[in-house]
Amino acid sequence: MLVLGSSCAANLLDLPTGTGPCCLRRAKNEGLLVTVCSRCGQKTLEQLRLADGGVMHSVQHCTNCDTLWQRDANASRNIRLIAAALAYGQEYSVVYNRSPST
């Protein structure tokens, strides 16, 4: 679980302070942070497949914008995008929300 609640955290992210609480609440589904491309915002990431049939779990390829990502680097960029949106009083993209359960 990730919680940012201090002006110190806002300073680390280079976000405005004094505009209300800077708080990144727990994502509805943390797994979505690694499945959404932080460059194009689409759920089009796939694990990199090797020529011998193996899979590199830490490297992902976006089939939409053709970007290669290290999984954790992409997730951290997504966290920053969500934190920035919340700090500026904006809604973050619904692509990070879990699908409603039926």
C-alpha atoms as a PDB file:
ATOM      1  CA  MET A   1       0.000   0.000   0.000  1.00  0.00           C
ATOM      2  CA  LEU A   2       1.291   3.448  -0.917  1.00  0.00           C
ATOM      3  CA  VAL A   3       0.288   6.534   1.009  1.00  0.00           C
ATOM      4  CA  LEU A   4       1.662  10.001   0.424  1.00  0.00           C
ATOM      5  CA  GLY A   5       0.347  12.495   2.908  1.00  0.00           C
ATOM      6  CA  SER A   6       2.937  15.125   3.698  1.00  0.00           C
ATOM      7  CA  SER A   7       4.201  18.231   2.009  1.00  0.00           C
ATOM      8  CA  CYS A   8       7.591  16.499   2.007  1.00  0.00           C
ATOM      9  CA  ALA A   9       6.172  13.825  -0.284  1.00  0.00           C
ATOM     10  CA  ALA A  10       4.664  16.547  -2.481  1.00  0.00           C
ATOM     11  CA  ASN A  11       8.085  18.214  -2.712  1.00  0.00           C
ATOM     12  CA  LEU A  12       9.699  14.942  -3.780  1.00  0.00           C
ATOM     13  CA  LEU A  13       7.193  14.715  -6.606  1.00  0.00           C
ATOM     14  CA  ASP A  14       7.546  18.440  -7.422  1.00  0.00           C
ATOM     15  CA  LEU A  15       3.853  18.982  -6.705  1.00  0.00           C
ATOM     16  CA  PRO A  16       2.101  22.045  -5.285  1.00  0.00           C
ATOM     17  CA  THR A  17       1.579  22.239  -1.538  1.00  0.00           C
ATOM     18  CA  GLY A  18      -1.110  24.068   0.370  1.00  0.00           C
ATOM     19  CA  THR A  19      -3.815  23.147  -2.142  1.00  0.00           C
ATOM     20  CA  GLY A  20      -5.417  20.513   0.026  1.00  0.00           C
ATOM     21  CA  PRO A  21      -4.207  17.117   1.080  1.00  0.00           C
ATOM     22  CA  CYS A  22      -1.689  15.479  -1.181  1.00  0.00           C
ATOM     23  CA  CYS A  23      -2.666  11.892  -0.646  1.00  0.00           C
ATOM     24  CA  LEU A  24      -2.265   8.978  -3.003  1.00  0.00           C
ATOM     25  CA  ARG A  25      -4.771   6.500  -1.757  1.00  0.00           C
ATOM     26  CA  ARG A  26      -4.353   2.835  -2.382  1.00  0.00           C
ATOM     27  CA  ALA A  27      -5.054   2.137  -6.022  1.00  0.00           C
ATOM     28  CA  LYS A  28      -8.227   0.194  -6.592  1.00  0.00           C
ATOM     29  CA  ASN A  29      -6.085  -2.507  -8.154  1.00  0.00           C
ATOM     30  CA  GLU A  30      -2.324  -2.200  -7.846  1.00  0.00           C
ATOM     31  CA  GLY A  31      -1.886  -4.777 -10.594  1.00  0.00           C
ATOM     32  CA  LEU A  32      -3.166  -2.251 -13.107  1.00  0.00           C
ATOM     33  CA  LEU A  33      -0.133  -0.046 -12.453  1.00  0.00           C
ATOM     34  CA  VAL A  34       2.012  -2.560 -14.331  1.00  0.00           C
ATOM     35  CA  THR A  35      -0.454  -3.306 -17.126  1.00  0.00           C
ATOM     36  CA  VAL A  36      -1.022   0.280 -18.316  1.00  0.00           C
ATOM     37  CA  CYS A  37       1.617   1.939 -20.488  1.00  0.00           C
ATOM     38  CA  SER A  38       2.623   5.213 -18.824  1.00  0.00           C
ATOM     39  CA  ARG A  39       3.502   6.740 -22.191  1.00  0.00           C
ATOM     40  CA  CYS A  40       0.225   6.205 -24.106  1.00  0.00           C
ATOM     41  CA  GLY A  41      -2.132   5.270 -21.241  1.00  0.00           C
ATOM     42  CA  GLN A  42      -3.415   2.091 -22.866  1.00  0.00           C
ATOM     43  CA  LYS A  43      -3.681  -1.415 -21.409  1.00  0.00           C
ATOM     44  CA  THR A  44      -1.537  -2.855 -24.172  1.00  0.00           C
ATOM     45  CA  LEU A  45       1.549  -4.103 -22.328  1.00  0.00           C
ATOM     46  CA  GLU A  46       2.770  -7.616 -22.975  1.00  0.00           C
ATOM     47  CA  GLN A  47       5.684  -9.487 -21.469  1.00  0.00           C
ATOM     48  CA  LEU A  48       8.697  -9.615 -23.736  1.00  0.00           C
ATOM     49  CA  ARG A  49       9.028 -13.021 -25.377  1.00  0.00           C
ATOM     50  CA  LEU A  50      12.450 -14.340 -26.236  1.00  0.00           C
ATOM     51  CA  ALA A  51      13.385 -16.140 -29.428  1.00  0.00           C
ATOM     52  CA  ASP A  52      13.804 -19.412 -27.521  1.00  0.00           C
ATOM     53  CA  GLY A  53      10.202 -19.202 -26.254  1.00  0.00           C
ATOM     54  CA  GLY A  54      11.089 -17.868 -22.825  1.00  0.00           C
ATOM     55  CA  VAL A  55       9.532 -14.801 -21.236  1.00  0.00           C
ATOM     56  CA  MET A  56      11.224 -11.837 -19.562  1.00  0.00           C
ATOM     57  CA  HIS A  57       8.788 -10.966 -16.774  1.00  0.00           C
ATOM     58  CA  SER A  58      10.466  -7.676 -15.855  1.00  0.00           C
ATOM     59  CA  VAL A  59      10.447  -6.278 -19.415  1.00  0.00           C
ATOM     60  CA  GLN A  60       7.203  -5.282 -21.096  1.00  0.00           C
ATOM     61  CA  HIS A  61       6.363  -4.142 -24.602  1.00  0.00           C
ATOM     62  CA  CYS A  62       3.528  -1.739 -25.423  1.00  0.00           C
ATOM     63  CA  THR A  63       1.881  -2.879 -28.623  1.00  0.00           C
ATOM     64  CA  ASN A  64       0.187   0.528 -29.022  1.00  0.00           C
ATOM     65  CA  CYS A  65       3.169   2.918 -28.898  1.00  0.00           C
ATOM     66  CA  ASP A  66       5.958   0.319 -29.383  1.00  0.00           C
ATOM     67  CA  THR A  67       7.763   1.234 -26.144  1.00  0.00           C
ATOM     68  CA  LEU A  68       9.841  -1.196 -24.086  1.00  0.00           C
ATOM     69  CA  TRP A  69       9.472  -0.775 -20.327  1.00  0.00           C
ATOM     70  CA  GLN A  70      11.156  -2.179 -17.277  1.00  0.00           C
ATOM     71  CA  ARG A  71       8.028  -3.175 -15.335  1.00  0.00           C
ATOM     72  CA  ASP A  72       8.832  -1.294 -12.103  1.00  0.00           C
ATOM     73  CA  ALA A  73       9.891   1.880 -13.934  1.00  0.00           C
ATOM     74  CA  ASN A  74       6.576   1.934 -15.796  1.00  0.00           C
ATOM     75  CA  ALA A  75       4.625   1.346 -12.571  1.00  0.00           C
ATOM     76  CA  SER A  76       6.456   4.176 -10.805  1.00  0.00           C
ATOM     77  CA  ARG A  77       5.635   6.566 -13.642  1.00  0.00           C
ATOM     78  CA  ASN A  78       1.979   5.543 -13.351  1.00  0.00           C
ATOM     79  CA  ILE A  79       2.077   6.203  -9.591  1.00  0.00           C
ATOM     80  CA  ARG A  80       3.520   9.666 -10.242  1.00  0.00           C
ATOM     81  CA  LEU A  81       0.814  10.420 -12.821  1.00  0.00           C
ATOM     82  CA  ILE A  82      -1.899   9.452 -10.331  1.00  0.00           C
ATOM     83  CA  ALA A  83      -0.259  11.455  -7.518  1.00  0.00           C
ATOM     84  CA  ALA A  84       0.066  14.536  -9.731  1.00  0.00           C
ATOM     85  CA  ALA A  85      -3.573  14.330 -10.823  1.00  0.00           C
ATOM     86  CA  LEU A  86      -4.752  14.054  -7.201  1.00  0.00           C
ATOM     87  CA  ALA A  87      -2.458  16.881  -6.059  1.00  0.00           C
ATOM     88  CA  TYR A  88      -3.906  19.202  -8.694  1.00  0.00           C
ATOM     89  CA  GLY A  89      -7.460  18.209  -7.773  1.00  0.00           C
ATOM     90  CA  GLN A  90      -8.046  16.260 -10.971  1.00  0.00           C
ATOM     91  CA  GLU A  91      -9.415  12.788 -11.455  1.00  0.00           C
ATOM     92  CA  TYR A  92      -6.930  10.190 -12.563  1.00  0.00           C
ATOM     93  CA  SER A  93      -7.646   8.067 -15.597  1.00  0.00           C
ATOM     94  CA  VAL A  94     -10.320   5.427 -15.168  1.00  0.00           C
ATOM     95  CA  VAL A  95      -7.957   2.977 -16.837  1.00  0.00           C
ATOM     96  CA  TYR A  96      -6.413   2.495 -13.368  1.00  0.00           C
ATOM     97  CA  ASN A  97      -9.728   1.477 -11.787  1.00  0.00           C
ATOM     98  CA  ARG A  98     -10.774  -2.094 -11.321  1.00  0.00           C
ATOM     99  CA  SER A  99     -13.691  -3.244 -13.458  1.00  0.00           C
ATOM    100  CA  PRO A 100     -16.948  -3.280 -11.487  1.00  0.00           C
ATOM    101  CA  SER A 101     -17.587  -6.701 -10.017  1.00  0.00           C
ATOM    102  CA  THR A 102     -20.693  -8.457 -11.172  1.00  0.00           C
END
